[in-house]
Amino acid sequence: MRNAEVASLLNELADVMELLGEDRYRVASYRDAAMRIDHLGEAIEDVAREGRLDDIHGVGKSIAAKVSEYLSTGRIAALEERRSRVPAAALTLMKVPGIGPRRALLIARELGVKSIEDLEQALREGKVAQLPRVGTKVAAHILEELSRISSRSQRLPLGVAMSAAQEAVRELERSSAVLEITPAGSIRRMCETIGDKDILVSSTKPEAAIAAFTTMPLVKEVLASGETRASVLSHADLQIDLRVVPPESYGAALQYFTGSKEHNIKLRELAIRRGLKLNEYGVFREETRIAGQTEEDVYAALGLPWLPPEIREDTGEVELALQGQVPPLVGLADMRGDLHAHTNRTDGSSTAEQKARAAETAGYEYLAFTDHSRALGVTGGLTEEEFRKQHEEIRSLQPRFPRVRLLCGVEVDIHVDKRLDCSDDFLAACDVVVASIHSALEQPAEMQTARLIAAMENPNVDIIAHPTGRLLGKRPGYGLDLTALLDAAVRTGTAIEINAQPERLDLNADAVRAAVERGVMLVINTDAHHQSQLPLMRFGVATARRGWAPSDLVLNTRPLGELLRWLARKGQTGRSPA
């Protein structure tokens, strides 16, 4: 699949168009098309080959033509022509919060800034503040944002890194030289942000495996190539590294390169105490390899059961395993439904029917439609009357989807004064009520915590969504007293969401671990805005697993009957437990 690659280029085209001051609606259409292609549930090259590009919602003839052009020629003429008209540095500068396209062009052209380092120097020397319509206050804000960007390093959100790694894996699986293949490192541990994009391959023909890797269609540049390892840069400007090992060492190498470093140190110490040596080639007693072909063999040689990659962080997993125990973690197969999804009635881009069909295909027992309430005007939030009409429409769909219970709900905003954006009578009539904060994110921690707790104390609220409001790589979460929030969740019987959107993963794994220790009911939702986003559930499940969450503490692992009884638990008058 080349979806991420094509989406990246369409986003770049939108960036250049924005820099050139082109029509903002056209710019938005390219960004929308990029999002849809990136989340498409099938390979964009297959769609193009079958002449179905126009069938993708939001991809018109002009965009479809550019996608076809790139897939057949490796270039987009319109992008190359526009690139020649703007300073290359402006594309980088405009992504810094506080700059935008006009200031990016101004800074690049007037100050000759060619990199982020040049920008920081110009800011510290006061040159940026002297530019028209900038000033000292704006310059100070830009410098502050630069320090935040620097602290995030070059780590990518899990979803972006996973997409790139899986695209490479699909390409390499076609090679007869590749016997086994797995993404390793922090991708395999499903960390929320990823540094190195590592892929491990077993092969008896390492040269052929390396050749297959360096000639993949996604490769923009070969950075390094040796006998058993190589590094490439993709067209999306992501570095991907490959290591090739013989089959007899594949399990040991997979364990070693999966990490974490702290987990590996703990295993090596255990090996030494048992008179063994552990490295990426195997487990050795003196010079004899006693394990290495599979991870299970490696762990067994150390007297341990196999440990899931998500919990290999040296946070007690080895000690527990030495007692013959492995934490009972929730799995993707346990998930029976999704309780937070949006439609095109607000900021979603698919209909209720399309999402219901996707839920049916996924084998779900239930799906909740929870569009935004009217306070969130930017999303086209609905009034209570509009919700009632929507709920009637959703219920009219039910006979066509007998295997999936369609639940009518709302994502209700929590105002800064702690009021909910909908009346209690309306909320009581909903099947599911999700409450969340989208405004006044700069309020102090005690106020944000009070807002969330006030919502939980409303007997109609079932779920608190994306509790910290963070966007990975873009926006830190607002201040929050997590302990108070979790204690209130237990006291009020409210579920706390693990939002599976890769840029959110909110709660994070550490907060999930704290919730599990307190017995908080969790719920893993995709917050899907398009039916193709329902498979994002795996990222939420991975975050739950990293926090050691068992299935019995995840609400949407419950069968429909149990779920409905749980939703009726607070005594709402408008709900039936069956």
Protein backbone atom coordinates (compact mmCIF):
# COMPACT_ATOMS: atom_id res chain seq x y z
CA MET A 1 0.00 0.00 0.00
CA ARG A 2 1.24 3.46 -0.93
CA ASN A 3 -1.56 5.32 0.82
CA ALA A 4 0.65 7.16 3.34
CA GLU A 5 3.04 8.15 0.56
CA VAL A 6 0.26 9.59 -1.64
CA ALA A 7 -1.40 11.32 1.33
CA SER A 8 1.91 12.94 2.28
CA LEU A 9 2.33 14.42 -1.19
CA LEU A 10 -1.24 15.73 -1.30
CA ASN A 11 -0.69 17.38 2.07
CA GLU A 12 2.53 18.93 0.75
CA LEU A 13 0.65 20.22 -2.29
CA ALA A 14 -1.93 21.76 0.04
CA ASP A 15 0.89 23.38 2.06
CA VAL A 16 2.46 24.93 -1.05
CA MET A 17 -0.93 26.13 -2.31
CA GLU A 18 -1.52 27.76 1.07
CA LEU A 19 1.88 29.46 0.91
CA LEU A 20 0.99 30.83 -2.52
CA GLY A 21 -2.32 32.19 -1.22
CA GLU A 22 -4.50 29.98 -3.37
CA ASP A 23 -8.19 29.44 -2.68
CA ARG A 24 -8.61 28.14 0.85
CA TYR A 25 -11.44 25.80 -0.13
CA ARG A 26 -9.20 24.10 -2.70
CA VAL A 27 -6.47 23.80 -0.06
CA ALA A 28 -8.96 22.23 2.34
CA SER A 29 -10.15 19.80 -0.34
CA TYR A 30 -6.59 18.49 -0.84
CA ARG A 31 -6.13 18.04 2.90
CA ASP A 32 -9.45 16.23 3.14
CA ALA A 33 -8.53 13.94 0.25
CA ALA A 34 -5.16 13.20 1.87
CA MET A 35 -6.88 12.21 5.11
CA ARG A 36 -9.33 9.93 3.34
CA ILE A 37 -6.63 8.21 1.29
CA ASP A 38 -4.43 7.76 4.36
CA HIS A 39 -7.30 6.03 6.19
CA LEU A 40 -8.59 4.10 3.19
CA GLY A 41 -9.13 0.46 4.01
CA GLU A 42 -7.49 -0.74 0.77
CA ALA A 43 -4.39 -0.01 -1.32
CA ILE A 44 -4.70 3.24 -3.27
CA GLU A 45 -2.84 1.67 -6.19
CA ASP A 46 -5.52 -1.06 -6.43
CA VAL A 47 -8.28 1.57 -6.37
CA ALA A 48 -6.51 3.54 -9.13
CA ARG A 49 -5.92 0.45 -11.24
CA GLU A 50 -9.62 -0.41 -11.07
CA GLY A 51 -10.64 3.15 -12.00
CA ARG A 52 -12.35 3.79 -8.66
CA LEU A 53 -10.50 6.90 -7.44
CA ASP A 54 -13.60 9.04 -8.07
CA ASP A 55 -15.53 6.73 -5.73
CA ILE A 56 -13.49 7.96 -2.74
CA HIS A 57 -15.56 10.61 -1.01
CA GLY A 58 -13.77 13.96 -1.35
CA VAL A 59 -11.55 12.88 -4.27
CA GLY A 60 -12.74 14.73 -7.37
CA LYS A 61 -11.47 14.45 -10.93
CA SER A 62 -8.60 16.92 -10.46
CA ILE A 63 -7.22 15.21 -7.36
CA ALA A 64 -7.81 11.76 -8.85
CA ALA A 65 -5.80 12.78 -11.91
CA LYS A 66 -2.87 13.86 -9.74
CA VAL A 67 -2.98 10.60 -7.77
CA SER A 68 -2.97 8.61 -11.01
CA GLU A 69 -0.13 10.75 -12.35
CA TYR A 70 2.01 10.06 -9.31
CA LEU A 71 1.31 6.33 -9.23
CA SER A 72 2.23 5.98 -12.90
CA THR A 73 5.13 8.45 -13.19
CA GLY A 74 6.43 9.01 -9.66
CA ARG A 75 5.81 12.76 -9.84
CA ILE A 76 3.05 15.38 -9.62
CA ALA A 77 3.77 18.17 -12.08
CA ALA A 78 1.51 20.65 -10.28
CA LEU A 79 3.44 20.10 -7.05
CA GLU A 80 6.84 20.46 -8.71
CA GLU A 81 5.80 23.67 -10.45
CA ARG A 82 4.54 25.20 -7.22
CA ARG A 83 7.59 24.08 -5.26
CA SER A 84 9.76 26.13 -7.63
CA ARG A 85 7.86 29.26 -6.66
CA VAL A 86 8.42 29.21 -2.90
CA PRO A 87 11.55 29.01 -0.73
CA ALA A 88 12.04 25.39 0.38
CA ALA A 89 12.42 26.49 4.00
CA ALA A 90 8.95 28.08 4.03
CA LEU A 91 7.31 24.64 4.03
CA THR A 92 9.19 23.75 7.21
CA LEU A 93 8.67 27.11 8.87
CA MET A 94 4.90 27.21 8.36
CA LYS A 95 4.49 24.09 10.50
CA VAL A 96 5.85 25.92 13.55
CA PRO A 97 2.88 27.07 15.68
CA GLY A 98 2.51 30.84 15.52
CA ILE A 99 4.06 31.30 12.09
CA GLY A 100 1.60 30.27 9.37
CA PRO A 101 2.09 30.66 5.60
CA ARG A 102 2.45 34.45 5.34
CA ARG A 103 4.99 34.75 8.13
CA ALA A 104 6.84 31.68 6.82
CA LEU A 105 7.35 33.36 3.45
CA LEU A 106 8.28 36.66 5.09
CA ILE A 107 10.87 35.06 7.39
CA ALA A 108 12.36 32.92 4.62
CA ARG A 109 12.59 35.75 2.08
CA GLU A 110 13.49 38.72 4.29
CA LEU A 111 15.87 37.00 6.71
CA GLY A 112 17.20 34.21 4.50
CA VAL A 113 16.18 31.60 7.09
CA LYS A 114 16.75 28.12 5.65
CA SER A 115 16.22 25.84 8.67
CA ILE A 116 14.73 25.58 12.15
CA GLU A 117 18.21 26.31 13.55
CA ASP A 118 18.39 29.52 11.49
CA LEU A 119 14.94 30.47 12.76
CA GLU A 120 15.92 29.99 16.39
CA GLN A 121 19.03 32.13 15.91
CA ALA A 122 17.02 34.89 14.19
CA LEU A 123 14.49 34.83 17.02
CA ARG A 124 17.17 35.07 19.72
CA GLU A 125 18.86 37.94 17.87
CA GLY A 126 15.55 39.86 17.70
CA LYS A 127 15.43 39.87 13.89
CA VAL A 128 12.05 38.14 13.65
CA ALA A 129 10.46 40.59 16.09
CA GLN A 130 11.46 43.46 13.79
CA LEU A 131 9.54 42.10 10.81
CA PRO A 132 6.19 43.70 9.86
CA ARG A 133 3.17 42.37 11.79
CA VAL A 134 5.32 40.23 14.10
CA GLY A 135 6.60 42.11 17.15
CA THR A 136 8.17 40.91 20.40
CA LYS A 137 5.11 39.13 21.79
CA VAL A 138 4.58 36.95 18.71
CA ALA A 139 8.31 36.27 18.40
CA ALA A 140 8.46 35.14 22.04
CA HIS A 141 5.51 32.80 21.43
CA ILE A 142 7.23 31.29 18.36
CA LEU A 143 10.43 30.75 20.36
CA GLU A 144 8.45 29.01 23.11
CA GLU A 145 6.83 26.71 20.54
CA LEU A 146 10.25 25.94 19.07
CA SER A 147 11.45 24.72 22.47
CA ARG A 148 8.42 22.42 22.68
CA ILE A 149 9.12 21.03 19.21
CA SER A 150 12.73 20.40 20.19
CA SER A 151 11.66 18.53 23.33
CA ARG A 152 9.48 16.22 21.22
CA SER A 153 12.58 15.32 19.17
CA GLN A 154 11.93 13.47 15.94
CA ARG A 155 9.50 10.95 17.38
CA LEU A 156 6.38 10.22 15.37
CA PRO A 157 2.89 9.28 16.53
CA LEU A 158 2.44 5.51 16.55
CA GLY A 159 -0.10 5.54 13.72
CA VAL A 160 2.24 7.34 11.30
CA ALA A 161 5.22 5.11 12.08
CA MET A 162 3.11 1.95 11.99
CA SER A 163 1.69 2.84 8.58
CA ALA A 164 5.20 3.32 7.15
CA ALA A 165 6.51 0.10 8.70
CA GLN A 166 3.54 -1.97 7.52
CA GLU A 167 3.86 -0.61 4.00
CA ALA A 168 7.49 -1.77 3.97
CA VAL A 169 6.51 -5.15 5.44
CA ARG A 170 3.89 -5.71 2.72
CA GLU A 171 6.48 -4.96 0.04
CA LEU A 172 9.12 -7.24 1.56
CA GLU A 173 6.71 -10.13 2.03
CA ARG A 174 6.66 -10.46 -1.75
CA SER A 175 10.34 -11.40 -1.79
CA SER A 176 11.17 -15.12 -1.74
CA ALA A 177 14.32 -14.25 0.22
CA VAL A 178 12.23 -13.16 3.23
CA LEU A 179 11.29 -16.07 5.51
CA GLU A 180 9.89 -14.15 8.50
CA ILE A 181 9.35 -10.44 9.01
CA THR A 182 8.21 -8.29 11.92
CA PRO A 183 8.37 -4.59 12.85
CA ALA A 184 10.51 -4.36 15.99
CA GLY A 185 11.51 -1.74 18.54
CA SER A 186 9.01 0.71 19.94
CA ILE A 187 6.58 -0.02 17.08
CA ARG A 188 6.22 -3.62 18.23
CA ARG A 189 5.83 -2.47 21.83
CA MET A 190 3.14 -0.08 20.51
CA CYS A 191 4.62 2.96 22.23
CA GLU A 192 2.61 6.13 21.69
CA THR A 193 5.48 7.83 19.86
CA ILE A 194 8.16 6.15 17.78
CA GLY A 195 11.81 6.97 17.20
CA ASP A 196 13.49 4.30 15.09
CA LYS A 197 11.36 2.48 12.52
CA ASP A 198 12.94 -0.98 12.69
CA ILE A 199 12.06 -4.06 10.67
CA LEU A 200 13.55 -7.48 11.35
CA VAL A 201 13.79 -10.20 8.71
CA SER A 202 15.03 -13.78 8.82
CA SER A 203 16.66 -15.03 5.64
CA THR A 204 19.24 -17.45 4.29
CA LYS A 205 19.83 -14.98 1.45
CA PRO A 206 20.58 -11.67 3.19
CA GLU A 207 21.89 -9.95 0.05
CA ALA A 208 18.63 -10.61 -1.78
CA ALA A 209 16.59 -9.42 1.23
CA ILE A 210 18.62 -6.19 1.38
CA ALA A 211 18.14 -5.67 -2.37
CA ALA A 212 14.39 -6.16 -2.04
CA PHE A 213 14.32 -3.57 0.76
CA THR A 214 16.36 -0.88 -0.98
CA THR A 215 14.38 -1.14 -4.24
CA MET A 216 10.88 -0.88 -2.73
CA PRO A 217 8.59 1.63 -4.54
CA LEU A 218 8.28 3.64 -1.34
CA VAL A 219 12.04 4.34 -1.21
CA LYS A 220 13.07 7.88 -2.00
CA GLU A 221 16.73 7.49 -1.05
CA VAL A 222 19.01 4.69 0.18
CA LEU A 223 20.85 6.07 3.21
CA ALA A 224 23.02 3.02 3.91
CA SER A 225 23.30 -0.55 2.71
CA GLY A 226 25.45 -3.40 4.01
CA GLU A 227 25.51 -7.17 4.14
CA THR A 228 22.86 -7.57 6.85
CA ARG A 229 21.42 -4.10 7.41
CA ALA A 230 20.18 -1.11 5.46
CA SER A 231 18.46 2.23 5.95
CA VAL A 232 16.19 4.06 3.52
CA LEU A 233 14.27 7.30 3.38
CA SER A 234 10.68 6.99 2.19
CA HIS A 235 8.84 9.45 -0.05
CA ALA A 236 7.13 10.60 3.15
CA ASP A 237 10.62 11.48 4.48
CA LEU A 238 10.58 8.73 7.09
CA GLN A 239 13.71 6.69 7.80
CA ILE A 240 13.17 2.93 7.96
CA ASP A 241 15.89 0.51 9.07
CA LEU A 242 16.19 -3.18 8.20
CA ARG A 243 18.17 -5.93 9.92
CA VAL A 244 18.54 -9.40 8.43
CA VAL A 245 19.40 -12.40 10.63
CA PRO A 246 19.61 -16.17 10.05
CA PRO A 247 16.53 -18.23 10.99
CA GLU A 248 18.27 -19.86 13.98
CA SER A 249 18.71 -16.41 15.59
CA TYR A 250 15.41 -14.80 14.59
CA GLY A 251 13.67 -15.23 17.94
CA ALA A 252 16.63 -13.93 19.91
CA ALA A 253 17.04 -10.97 17.56
CA LEU A 254 13.32 -10.21 17.72
CA GLN A 255 13.43 -10.21 21.51
CA TYR A 256 16.58 -8.07 21.57
CA PHE A 257 15.49 -5.48 19.01
CA THR A 258 11.96 -5.24 20.42
CA GLY A 259 13.34 -4.04 23.76
CA SER A 260 12.85 -2.10 25.86
CA LYS A 261 16.45 -1.49 26.91
CA GLU A 262 15.45 -1.78 30.57
CA HIS A 263 13.59 -5.04 29.96
CA ASN A 264 16.60 -6.45 28.10
CA ILE A 265 18.94 -5.53 30.93
CA LYS A 266 16.70 -7.36 33.38
CA LEU A 267 16.73 -10.47 31.14
CA ARG A 268 20.52 -10.39 30.75
CA GLU A 269 20.92 -10.17 34.53
CA LEU A 270 18.60 -13.16 34.89
CA ALA A 271 20.59 -15.08 32.28
CA ILE A 272 23.86 -14.40 34.11
CA ARG A 273 22.39 -15.66 37.39
CA ARG A 274 21.50 -18.89 35.58
CA GLY A 275 24.95 -19.28 34.08
CA LEU A 276 23.81 -18.30 30.61
CA LYS A 277 24.64 -15.62 28.06
CA LEU A 278 21.85 -13.77 26.22
CA ASN A 279 22.34 -11.62 23.14
CA GLU A 280 20.75 -11.00 19.75
CA TYR A 281 22.13 -14.27 18.42
CA GLY A 282 20.61 -16.56 21.03
CA VAL A 283 20.82 -17.96 24.54
CA PHE A 284 24.14 -19.69 25.14
CA ARG A 285 25.50 -22.07 27.75
CA GLU A 286 29.22 -21.48 27.33
CA GLU A 287 29.62 -21.73 23.53
CA THR A 288 26.51 -23.81 22.84
CA ARG A 289 23.36 -22.08 21.61
CA ILE A 290 20.40 -23.55 23.55
CA ALA A 291 17.69 -21.23 22.22
CA GLY A 292 17.23 -18.53 19.62
CA GLN A 293 14.91 -19.56 16.81
CA THR A 294 11.72 -18.30 18.51
CA GLU A 295 11.00 -15.79 21.25
CA GLU A 296 9.14 -18.48 23.19
CA ASP A 297 12.32 -20.59 23.23
CA VAL A 298 14.37 -17.62 24.44
CA TYR A 299 12.04 -16.84 27.34
CA ALA A 300 11.66 -20.53 28.23
CA ALA A 301 15.46 -20.93 28.41
CA LEU A 302 15.41 -18.19 31.05
CA GLY A 303 12.64 -19.94 32.99
CA LEU A 304 9.97 -17.46 31.89
CA PRO A 305 6.69 -17.60 29.98
CA TRP A 306 6.54 -15.51 26.83
CA LEU A 307 5.74 -11.88 27.64
CA PRO A 308 3.60 -9.63 25.41
CA PRO A 309 5.74 -6.92 23.76
CA GLU A 310 3.48 -4.13 25.06
CA ILE A 311 4.51 -4.72 28.68
CA ARG A 312 8.27 -5.19 28.18
CA GLU A 313 9.21 -2.02 30.04
CA ASP A 314 10.72 -3.38 33.30
CA THR A 315 7.75 -2.25 35.37
CA GLY A 316 7.27 -5.54 37.21
CA GLU A 317 6.54 -7.88 34.31
CA VAL A 318 9.69 -10.00 34.75
CA GLU A 319 9.15 -10.44 38.47
CA LEU A 320 5.57 -11.51 37.84
CA ALA A 321 6.64 -13.90 35.10
CA LEU A 322 9.18 -15.52 37.45
CA GLN A 323 6.19 -16.50 39.55
CA GLY A 324 4.68 -18.18 36.48
CA GLN A 325 2.19 -15.40 35.90
CA VAL A 326 1.57 -13.06 33.00
CA PRO A 327 -0.91 -10.17 33.40
CA PRO A 328 -4.25 -11.10 31.73
CA LEU A 329 -4.39 -8.38 29.10
CA VAL A 330 -7.35 -7.29 27.00
CA GLY A 331 -7.03 -8.24 23.33
CA LEU A 332 -8.46 -6.95 20.07
CA ALA A 333 -10.56 -10.11 19.75
CA ASP A 334 -12.28 -9.19 23.04
CA MET A 335 -13.79 -5.99 21.64
CA ARG A 336 -17.55 -6.23 20.97
CA GLY A 337 -18.34 -2.67 19.93
CA ASP A 338 -17.47 1.01 19.79
CA LEU A 339 -19.20 3.61 21.96
CA HIS A 340 -17.92 6.87 20.44
CA ALA A 341 -18.36 7.60 16.73
CA HIS A 342 -19.38 10.58 14.60
CA THR A 343 -21.38 10.96 11.40
CA ASN A 344 -21.57 13.54 8.62
CA ARG A 345 -24.30 15.29 10.58
CA THR A 346 -21.46 17.05 12.45
CA ASP A 347 -17.74 16.71 11.72
CA GLY A 348 -17.77 13.10 10.54
CA SER A 349 -17.40 12.23 6.87
CA SER A 350 -19.59 9.14 6.57
CA THR A 351 -23.23 8.40 7.16
CA ALA A 352 -24.74 6.41 10.00
CA GLU A 353 -25.56 3.66 7.51
CA GLN A 354 -21.97 3.45 6.27
CA LYS A 355 -20.67 3.20 9.82
CA ALA A 356 -23.29 0.60 10.74
CA ARG A 357 -22.23 -1.51 7.78
CA ALA A 358 -18.56 -1.18 8.79
CA ALA A 359 -19.44 -2.26 12.34
CA GLU A 360 -21.31 -5.25 10.95
CA THR A 361 -18.29 -6.18 8.82
CA ALA A 362 -16.07 -5.90 11.91
CA GLY A 363 -18.33 -8.39 13.72
CA TYR A 364 -19.38 -5.89 16.38
CA GLU A 365 -22.48 -6.40 18.52
CA TYR A 366 -23.10 -2.67 18.97
CA LEU A 367 -22.10 0.79 17.77
CA ALA A 368 -22.94 4.13 19.40
CA PHE A 369 -23.47 7.29 17.37
CA THR A 370 -22.30 10.24 19.48
CA ASP A 371 -22.22 13.41 17.41
CA HIS A 372 -21.21 16.73 18.95
CA SER A 373 -23.57 19.00 20.84
CA ARG A 374 -24.11 22.52 19.55
CA ALA A 375 -21.51 24.28 21.74
CA LEU A 376 -18.77 22.97 19.47
CA GLY A 377 -19.80 25.21 16.61
CA VAL A 378 -16.76 24.46 14.45
CA THR A 379 -18.01 20.88 14.07
CA GLY A 380 -21.58 21.85 13.20
CA GLY A 381 -22.82 20.55 16.55
CA LEU A 382 -26.49 19.62 16.75
CA THR A 383 -29.35 21.09 18.76
CA GLU A 384 -31.46 18.75 20.88
CA GLU A 385 -34.22 18.78 18.28
CA GLU A 386 -31.72 17.93 15.55
CA PHE A 387 -30.44 15.08 17.69
CA ARG A 388 -33.98 13.73 18.12
CA LYS A 389 -34.45 13.66 14.36
CA GLN A 390 -31.08 11.98 13.90
CA HIS A 391 -31.92 9.36 16.52
CA GLU A 392 -35.18 8.60 14.73
CA GLU A 393 -33.22 8.10 11.51
CA ILE A 394 -30.74 5.81 13.24
CA ARG A 395 -33.50 3.72 14.80
CA SER A 396 -35.13 3.38 11.38
CA LEU A 397 -31.88 1.79 10.17
CA GLN A 398 -31.93 -0.88 12.89
CA PRO A 399 -34.03 -3.49 10.99
CA ARG A 400 -31.39 -3.50 8.23
CA PHE A 401 -28.63 -4.38 10.71
CA PRO A 402 -30.06 -7.12 12.93
CA ARG A 403 -26.63 -8.26 14.12
CA VAL A 404 -25.49 -4.81 15.33
CA ARG A 405 -27.37 -2.82 17.96
CA LEU A 406 -27.31 0.84 16.90
CA LEU A 407 -27.18 3.06 19.98
CA CYS A 408 -28.27 6.70 19.88
CA GLY A 409 -26.08 9.03 21.87
CA VAL A 410 -24.30 12.35 22.11
CA GLU A 411 -20.84 13.73 22.84
CA VAL A 412 -21.90 16.55 25.09
CA ASP A 413 -19.57 19.45 25.79
CA ILE A 414 -18.67 20.44 29.34
CA HIS A 415 -18.76 24.21 29.64
CA VAL A 416 -16.15 26.15 31.57
CA ASP A 417 -18.74 26.76 34.33
CA LYS A 418 -19.19 22.94 34.58
CA ARG A 419 -22.65 22.91 32.96
CA LEU A 420 -23.37 20.31 30.33
CA ASP A 421 -24.39 21.54 26.87
CA CYS A 422 -27.65 19.54 26.82
CA SER A 423 -30.60 19.29 29.18
CA ASP A 424 -30.92 16.40 31.62
CA ASP A 425 -34.21 15.35 30.04
CA PHE A 426 -32.58 14.98 26.64
CA LEU A 427 -29.52 13.17 28.02
CA ALA A 428 -31.70 10.73 29.96
CA ALA A 429 -33.41 9.73 26.71
CA CYS A 430 -30.11 8.88 25.01
CA ASP A 431 -28.75 5.33 24.96
CA VAL A 432 -25.18 6.54 25.61
CA VAL A 433 -23.84 9.87 26.86
CA VAL A 434 -20.20 10.77 26.31
CA ALA A 435 -18.97 13.99 27.95
CA SER A 436 -15.81 15.86 27.05
CA ILE A 437 -13.94 19.15 27.13
CA HIS A 438 -13.18 21.02 23.89
CA SER A 439 -12.99 24.63 25.09
CA ALA A 440 -10.97 26.77 27.53
CA LEU A 441 -8.10 24.26 27.44
CA GLU A 442 -5.79 26.74 29.14
CA GLN A 443 -7.70 26.66 32.44
CA PRO A 444 -5.71 25.52 35.52
CA ALA A 445 -5.69 21.87 36.54
CA GLU A 446 -8.09 22.26 39.45
CA MET A 447 -10.72 23.88 37.20
CA GLN A 448 -10.38 21.24 34.45
CA THR A 449 -10.60 18.47 37.03
CA ALA A 450 -13.69 20.08 38.56
CA ARG A 451 -15.35 20.28 35.13
CA LEU A 452 -14.83 16.58 34.49
CA ILE A 453 -15.90 15.51 37.97
CA ALA A 454 -19.05 17.64 37.73
CA ALA A 455 -19.92 15.83 34.50
CA MET A 456 -19.34 12.44 36.13
CA GLU A 457 -21.64 13.38 38.96
CA ASN A 458 -24.47 13.89 36.49
CA PRO A 459 -26.42 10.59 36.55
CA ASN A 460 -26.85 10.69 32.77
CA VAL A 461 -23.15 10.71 31.87
CA ASP A 462 -21.70 7.30 31.06
CA ILE A 463 -18.25 8.06 29.65
CA ILE A 464 -15.60 10.77 29.89
CA ALA A 465 -13.90 11.05 26.49
CA HIS A 466 -10.24 11.88 25.77
CA PRO A 467 -9.77 13.02 29.38
CA THR A 468 -6.59 15.11 28.98
CA GLY A 469 -7.35 16.66 25.59
CA ARG A 470 -3.85 16.09 24.27
CA LEU A 471 -2.85 15.79 20.60
CA LEU A 472 0.47 13.99 20.25
CA GLY A 473 3.14 16.15 18.65
CA LYS A 474 0.76 19.12 18.47
CA ARG A 475 -0.76 19.96 21.83
CA PRO A 476 0.03 18.85 25.36
CA GLY A 477 -2.87 17.79 27.51
CA TYR A 478 -4.46 20.35 29.82
CA GLY A 479 -3.65 20.21 33.50
CA LEU A 480 -5.50 17.51 35.40
CA ASP A 481 -5.52 15.91 38.84
CA LEU A 482 -5.54 12.32 37.61
CA THR A 483 -5.92 10.78 41.06
CA ALA A 484 -9.00 12.87 41.79
CA LEU A 485 -10.46 12.05 38.38
CA LEU A 486 -9.98 8.30 38.81
CA ASP A 487 -11.35 8.33 42.35
CA ALA A 488 -14.43 10.17 41.09
CA ALA A 489 -14.85 7.63 38.30
CA VAL A 490 -14.99 4.83 40.86
CA ARG A 491 -17.34 6.77 43.12
CA THR A 492 -19.78 7.73 40.35
CA GLY A 493 -19.53 4.54 38.28
CA THR A 494 -18.39 6.43 35.17
CA ALA A 495 -16.21 4.88 32.48
CA ILE A 496 -13.02 6.65 31.39
CA GLU A 497 -12.15 6.49 27.71
CA ILE A 498 -8.97 5.33 26.07
CA ASN A 499 -9.34 7.23 22.82
CA ALA A 500 -7.84 5.10 20.04
CA GLN A 501 -7.13 7.92 17.59
CA PRO A 502 -3.34 7.62 17.08
CA GLU A 503 -2.83 11.34 17.70
CA ARG A 504 -4.68 11.08 21.02
CA LEU A 505 -4.20 7.70 22.79
CA ASP A 506 -5.84 9.40 25.75
CA LEU A 507 -5.71 8.07 28.50
CA ASN A 508 -2.07 7.15 28.03
CA ALA A 509 -0.57 3.87 29.24
CA ASP A 510 0.66 5.22 32.59
CA ALA A 511 -2.77 6.65 33.37
CA VAL A 512 -4.38 3.36 32.33
CA ARG A 513 -2.12 1.51 34.78
CA ALA A 514 -3.22 3.87 37.56
CA ALA A 515 -6.87 3.35 36.58
CA VAL A 516 -6.48 -0.43 36.59
CA GLU A 517 -4.93 -0.35 40.06
CA ARG A 518 -8.03 1.50 41.31
CA GLY A 519 -10.52 -0.71 39.49
CA VAL A 520 -11.79 2.08 37.21
CA MET A 521 -14.04 0.97 34.36
CA LEU A 522 -12.36 1.81 31.06
CA VAL A 523 -13.80 1.97 27.56
CA ILE A 524 -11.78 1.84 24.34
CA ASN A 525 -13.33 3.94 21.57
CA THR A 526 -12.14 5.03 18.15
CA ASP A 527 -13.89 8.41 18.04
CA ALA A 528 -14.26 7.44 14.36
CA HIS A 529 -15.11 10.26 11.98
CA HIS A 530 -15.09 7.95 8.94
CA GLN A 531 -16.00 4.29 8.70
CA SER A 532 -12.42 3.47 7.69
CA GLN A 533 -11.32 4.58 11.17
CA LEU A 534 -13.09 1.77 13.05
CA PRO A 535 -9.93 -0.44 12.72
CA LEU A 536 -8.05 2.20 14.75
CA MET A 537 -9.42 0.23 17.71
CA ARG A 538 -6.15 -1.72 17.72
CA PHE A 539 -4.22 1.37 18.84
CA GLY A 540 -6.54 1.87 21.80
CA VAL A 541 -6.31 -1.82 22.70
CA ALA A 542 -2.52 -1.61 22.52
CA THR A 543 -2.54 1.37 24.90
CA ALA A 544 -4.80 -0.54 27.28
CA ARG A 545 -2.42 -3.51 27.15
CA ARG A 546 0.56 -1.25 27.86
CA GLY A 547 -1.35 -0.15 30.96
CA TRP A 548 -1.95 -3.80 31.97
CA ALA A 549 -5.72 -3.52 31.50
CA PRO A 550 -7.65 -6.81 31.74
CA SER A 551 -10.74 -7.38 29.63
CA ASP A 552 -13.11 -7.29 32.63
CA LEU A 553 -12.22 -3.63 33.22
CA VAL A 554 -12.99 -2.64 29.62
CA LEU A 555 -16.66 -1.83 29.17
CA ASN A 556 -16.97 -2.64 25.48
CA THR A 557 -15.72 -6.18 25.88
CA ARG A 558 -19.12 -6.96 27.40
CA PRO A 559 -21.91 -8.67 25.45
CA LEU A 560 -24.80 -6.42 24.44
CA GLY A 561 -27.08 -7.47 27.30
CA GLU A 562 -24.43 -6.75 29.94
CA LEU A 563 -23.59 -3.44 28.29
CA LEU A 564 -27.22 -2.30 28.34
CA ARG A 565 -27.55 -3.25 32.00
CA TRP A 566 -24.39 -1.26 32.77
CA LEU A 567 -25.71 1.77 30.87
CA ALA A 568 -28.90 1.63 32.94
CA ARG A 569 -26.97 1.40 36.22
CA LYS A 570 -27.21 5.09 37.20
CA GLY A 571 -31.00 4.97 37.21
CA GLN A 572 -31.79 7.10 34.18
CA THR A 573 -35.51 7.12 33.61
CA GLY A 574 -35.27 7.07 29.82
CA ARG A 575 -33.24 3.89 29.44
CA SER A 576 -34.10 0.25 29.38
CA PRO A 577 -31.62 -2.37 30.65
CA ALA A 578 -32.60 -4.76 27.86
